[in-house]
Amino acid sequence: MKIYSNQNVNAEQVIPFPDEVHTTEQDWWMIYNADTKLITIEPLQCSGYTSSPFTMVISDRKEELDQYIADHGLTVQMN
């Protein structure tokens, strides 16, 4: 298990293939498929542990995730 702490202002952490990554209620995070650029879990704020075969991005502000989405051309996966 890895614990990531996002204490940097205006910085996001990009974690490929997260394995039991811990987030707090203050963290904003999302999951996306780097190959297809589709967001599989939209930005949200909640605490817990996350594992995924995709890429996780954690930030301290939602605006930073929104900017990351725009900068990397990501789109929301429609079901």
N, C-alpha and C. Protein backbone atom coordinates (compact mmCIF):
# COMPACT_ATOMS: atom_id res chain seq x y z
N MET A 1 0.84 -1.18 0.00
CA MET A 1 0.00 0.00 0.00
C MET A 1 0.88 1.24 0.00
N LYS A 2 0.55 2.19 -0.85
CA LYS A 2 1.25 3.46 -0.89
C LYS A 2 0.31 4.55 -0.41
N ILE A 3 0.81 5.46 0.38
CA ILE A 3 0.03 6.60 0.83
C ILE A 3 0.61 7.84 0.18
N TYR A 4 -0.21 8.55 -0.58
CA TYR A 4 0.22 9.76 -1.25
C TYR A 4 -0.34 10.95 -0.49
N SER A 5 0.48 11.91 -0.26
CA SER A 5 0.05 13.12 0.41
C SER A 5 0.24 14.27 -0.54
N ASN A 6 -0.81 15.02 -0.79
CA ASN A 6 -0.73 16.14 -1.70
C ASN A 6 -0.72 17.43 -0.90
N GLN A 7 0.47 17.87 -0.53
CA GLN A 7 0.61 19.08 0.27
C GLN A 7 1.14 20.25 -0.55
N ASN A 8 1.31 20.06 -1.84
CA ASN A 8 1.82 21.12 -2.69
C ASN A 8 0.67 21.94 -3.25
N VAL A 9 0.75 23.26 -3.12
CA VAL A 9 -0.27 24.13 -3.66
C VAL A 9 -0.11 24.18 -5.17
N ASN A 10 -1.23 24.15 -5.90
CA ASN A 10 -1.24 24.20 -7.36
C ASN A 10 -0.43 23.06 -7.98
N ALA A 11 -0.56 21.90 -7.43
CA ALA A 11 0.13 20.74 -7.99
C ALA A 11 -0.78 19.53 -7.93
N GLU A 12 -0.69 18.72 -8.95
CA GLU A 12 -1.44 17.47 -8.93
C GLU A 12 -0.44 16.33 -8.96
N GLN A 13 -0.87 15.21 -8.42
CA GLN A 13 -0.06 14.00 -8.46
C GLN A 13 -0.70 13.06 -9.46
N VAL A 14 0.11 12.54 -10.36
CA VAL A 14 -0.36 11.59 -11.37
C VAL A 14 0.20 10.23 -10.96
N ILE A 15 -0.71 9.26 -10.76
CA ILE A 15 -0.33 7.95 -10.27
C ILE A 15 -0.83 6.88 -11.25
N PRO A 16 0.07 6.35 -12.08
CA PRO A 16 -0.35 5.27 -12.97
C PRO A 16 -0.64 4.00 -12.17
N PHE A 17 -1.71 3.33 -12.49
CA PHE A 17 -2.09 2.05 -11.87
C PHE A 17 -2.07 2.12 -10.34
N PRO A 18 -2.88 3.00 -9.75
CA PRO A 18 -2.89 3.13 -8.29
C PRO A 18 -3.26 1.81 -7.60
N ASP A 19 -2.58 1.54 -6.51
CA ASP A 19 -2.82 0.32 -5.74
C ASP A 19 -3.03 0.70 -4.28
N GLU A 20 -4.30 0.73 -3.87
CA GLU A 20 -4.66 1.09 -2.49
C GLU A 20 -4.13 2.47 -2.11
N VAL A 21 -4.33 3.45 -3.00
CA VAL A 21 -3.92 4.82 -2.73
C VAL A 21 -4.94 5.45 -1.79
N HIS A 22 -4.46 6.06 -0.73
CA HIS A 22 -5.32 6.68 0.28
C HIS A 22 -5.55 8.15 -0.06
N THR A 23 -6.82 8.56 -0.04
CA THR A 23 -7.16 9.97 -0.19
C THR A 23 -7.97 10.40 1.03
N THR A 24 -7.94 11.71 1.30
CA THR A 24 -8.68 12.25 2.43
C THR A 24 -9.88 13.03 1.92
N GLU A 25 -10.71 13.52 2.83
CA GLU A 25 -11.89 14.30 2.45
C GLU A 25 -11.51 15.62 1.80
N GLN A 26 -10.27 16.07 1.98
CA GLN A 26 -9.82 17.33 1.39
C GLN A 26 -9.26 17.16 -0.02
N ASP A 27 -8.93 15.93 -0.41
CA ASP A 27 -8.35 15.68 -1.73
C ASP A 27 -9.42 15.62 -2.81
N TRP A 28 -9.10 16.18 -3.96
CA TRP A 28 -9.91 16.00 -5.17
C TRP A 28 -9.18 14.98 -6.02
N TRP A 29 -9.91 14.04 -6.61
CA TRP A 29 -9.25 13.03 -7.43
C TRP A 29 -10.16 12.53 -8.53
N MET A 30 -9.52 11.88 -9.52
CA MET A 30 -10.25 11.29 -10.64
C MET A 30 -9.41 10.14 -11.19
N ILE A 31 -10.04 9.31 -12.02
CA ILE A 31 -9.37 8.20 -12.69
C ILE A 31 -9.64 8.34 -14.19
N TYR A 32 -8.60 8.14 -15.00
CA TYR A 32 -8.80 8.17 -16.45
C TYR A 32 -7.92 7.13 -17.14
N ASN A 33 -8.36 6.74 -18.33
CA ASN A 33 -7.63 5.79 -19.17
C ASN A 33 -6.66 6.60 -20.03
N ALA A 34 -5.37 6.46 -19.79
CA ALA A 34 -4.37 7.24 -20.51
C ALA A 34 -4.33 6.91 -22.00
N ASP A 35 -4.71 5.69 -22.37
CA ASP A 35 -4.69 5.30 -23.78
C ASP A 35 -5.83 5.94 -24.56
N THR A 36 -7.03 5.96 -23.97
CA THR A 36 -8.20 6.49 -24.67
C THR A 36 -8.51 7.93 -24.29
N LYS A 37 -7.88 8.43 -23.23
CA LYS A 37 -8.12 9.78 -22.69
C LYS A 37 -9.55 9.95 -22.19
N LEU A 38 -10.17 8.84 -21.77
CA LEU A 38 -11.52 8.89 -21.22
C LEU A 38 -11.46 8.86 -19.71
N ILE A 39 -12.19 9.77 -19.09
CA ILE A 39 -12.29 9.82 -17.63
C ILE A 39 -13.30 8.77 -17.20
N THR A 40 -12.87 7.82 -16.39
CA THR A 40 -13.77 6.75 -15.94
C THR A 40 -14.41 7.08 -14.60
N ILE A 41 -13.74 7.86 -13.77
CA ILE A 41 -14.32 8.37 -12.52
C ILE A 41 -14.10 9.88 -12.52
N GLU A 42 -15.20 10.62 -12.63
CA GLU A 42 -15.12 12.08 -12.68
C GLU A 42 -14.57 12.65 -11.38
N PRO A 43 -14.02 13.88 -11.43
CA PRO A 43 -13.47 14.48 -10.22
C PRO A 43 -14.46 14.44 -9.06
N LEU A 44 -13.96 13.98 -7.93
CA LEU A 44 -14.77 13.93 -6.73
C LEU A 44 -13.89 14.12 -5.52
N GLN A 45 -14.54 14.33 -4.40
CA GLN A 45 -13.85 14.58 -3.15
C GLN A 45 -14.40 13.62 -2.11
N CYS A 46 -13.59 12.64 -1.72
CA CYS A 46 -14.00 11.70 -0.68
C CYS A 46 -12.77 10.99 -0.15
N SER A 47 -12.90 10.42 1.02
CA SER A 47 -11.77 9.70 1.62
C SER A 47 -11.92 8.21 1.40
N GLY A 48 -10.79 7.53 1.37
CA GLY A 48 -10.80 6.09 1.22
C GLY A 48 -9.56 5.60 0.51
N TYR A 49 -9.63 4.36 0.03
CA TYR A 49 -8.52 3.73 -0.68
C TYR A 49 -8.98 3.38 -2.08
N THR A 50 -8.13 3.62 -3.06
CA THR A 50 -8.49 3.39 -4.46
C THR A 50 -7.42 2.56 -5.17
N SER A 51 -7.88 1.61 -5.95
CA SER A 51 -7.02 0.83 -6.84
C SER A 51 -7.67 0.84 -8.22
N SER A 52 -6.85 0.86 -9.26
CA SER A 52 -7.39 0.91 -10.61
C SER A 52 -6.33 0.48 -11.62
N PRO A 53 -6.78 -0.09 -12.75
CA PRO A 53 -5.84 -0.38 -13.82
C PRO A 53 -5.54 0.85 -14.69
N PHE A 54 -6.13 1.98 -14.33
CA PHE A 54 -5.96 3.22 -15.08
C PHE A 54 -5.11 4.22 -14.30
N THR A 55 -5.15 5.48 -14.68
CA THR A 55 -4.33 6.52 -14.06
C THR A 55 -5.18 7.37 -13.11
N MET A 56 -4.62 7.63 -11.94
CA MET A 56 -5.30 8.46 -10.93
C MET A 56 -4.59 9.81 -10.85
N VAL A 57 -5.37 10.86 -10.71
CA VAL A 57 -4.82 12.19 -10.50
C VAL A 57 -5.43 12.74 -9.22
N ILE A 58 -4.57 13.21 -8.32
CA ILE A 58 -5.01 13.78 -7.04
C ILE A 58 -4.55 15.23 -6.98
N SER A 59 -5.43 16.08 -6.47
CA SER A 59 -5.10 17.49 -6.30
C SER A 59 -5.79 18.02 -5.06
N ASP A 60 -5.38 19.20 -4.62
CA ASP A 60 -6.04 19.79 -3.46
C ASP A 60 -7.16 20.74 -3.86
N ARG A 61 -7.28 21.03 -5.17
CA ARG A 61 -8.36 21.92 -5.64
C ARG A 61 -8.99 21.36 -6.91
N LYS A 62 -10.30 21.46 -7.00
CA LYS A 62 -11.01 20.97 -8.19
C LYS A 62 -10.58 21.73 -9.44
N GLU A 63 -10.30 23.01 -9.30
CA GLU A 63 -9.88 23.82 -10.45
C GLU A 63 -8.60 23.26 -11.08
N GLU A 64 -7.74 22.69 -10.27
CA GLU A 64 -6.51 22.10 -10.80
C GLU A 64 -6.82 20.86 -11.62
N LEU A 65 -7.78 20.05 -11.17
CA LEU A 65 -8.18 18.88 -11.97
C LEU A 65 -8.84 19.33 -13.27
N ASP A 66 -9.68 20.35 -13.18
CA ASP A 66 -10.32 20.87 -14.39
C ASP A 66 -9.27 21.33 -15.40
N GLN A 67 -8.22 21.99 -14.92
CA GLN A 67 -7.14 22.45 -15.80
C GLN A 67 -6.36 21.26 -16.36
N TYR A 68 -6.14 20.24 -15.54
CA TYR A 68 -5.45 19.03 -16.00
C TYR A 68 -6.25 18.37 -17.12
N ILE A 69 -7.56 18.30 -16.95
CA ILE A 69 -8.45 17.72 -17.97
C ILE A 69 -8.32 18.49 -19.27
N ALA A 70 -8.36 19.82 -19.18
CA ALA A 70 -8.26 20.65 -20.39
C ALA A 70 -6.88 20.53 -21.03
N ASP A 71 -5.83 20.56 -20.23
CA ASP A 71 -4.46 20.51 -20.75
C ASP A 71 -4.14 19.18 -21.43
N HIS A 72 -4.79 18.09 -21.00
CA HIS A 72 -4.48 16.78 -21.54
C HIS A 72 -5.57 16.23 -22.48
N GLY A 73 -6.56 17.07 -22.80
CA GLY A 73 -7.59 16.68 -23.77
C GLY A 73 -8.43 15.50 -23.33
N LEU A 74 -8.73 15.42 -22.04
CA LEU A 74 -9.53 14.31 -21.51
C LEU A 74 -11.02 14.57 -21.68
N THR A 75 -11.79 13.50 -21.82
CA THR A 75 -13.24 13.62 -21.92
C THR A 75 -13.88 12.61 -20.97
N VAL A 76 -15.12 12.88 -20.59
CA VAL A 76 -15.85 12.00 -19.69
C VAL A 76 -16.38 10.81 -20.48
N GLN A 77 -16.19 9.62 -19.91
CA GLN A 77 -16.70 8.40 -20.54
C GLN A 77 -18.21 8.36 -20.37
N MET A 78 -18.91 8.23 -21.47
CA MET A 78 -20.37 8.13 -21.44
C MET A 78 -20.77 6.66 -21.47
N ASN A 79 -21.64 6.27 -20.56
CA ASN A 79 -22.11 4.87 -20.52
C ASN A 79 -23.41 4.71 -21.26
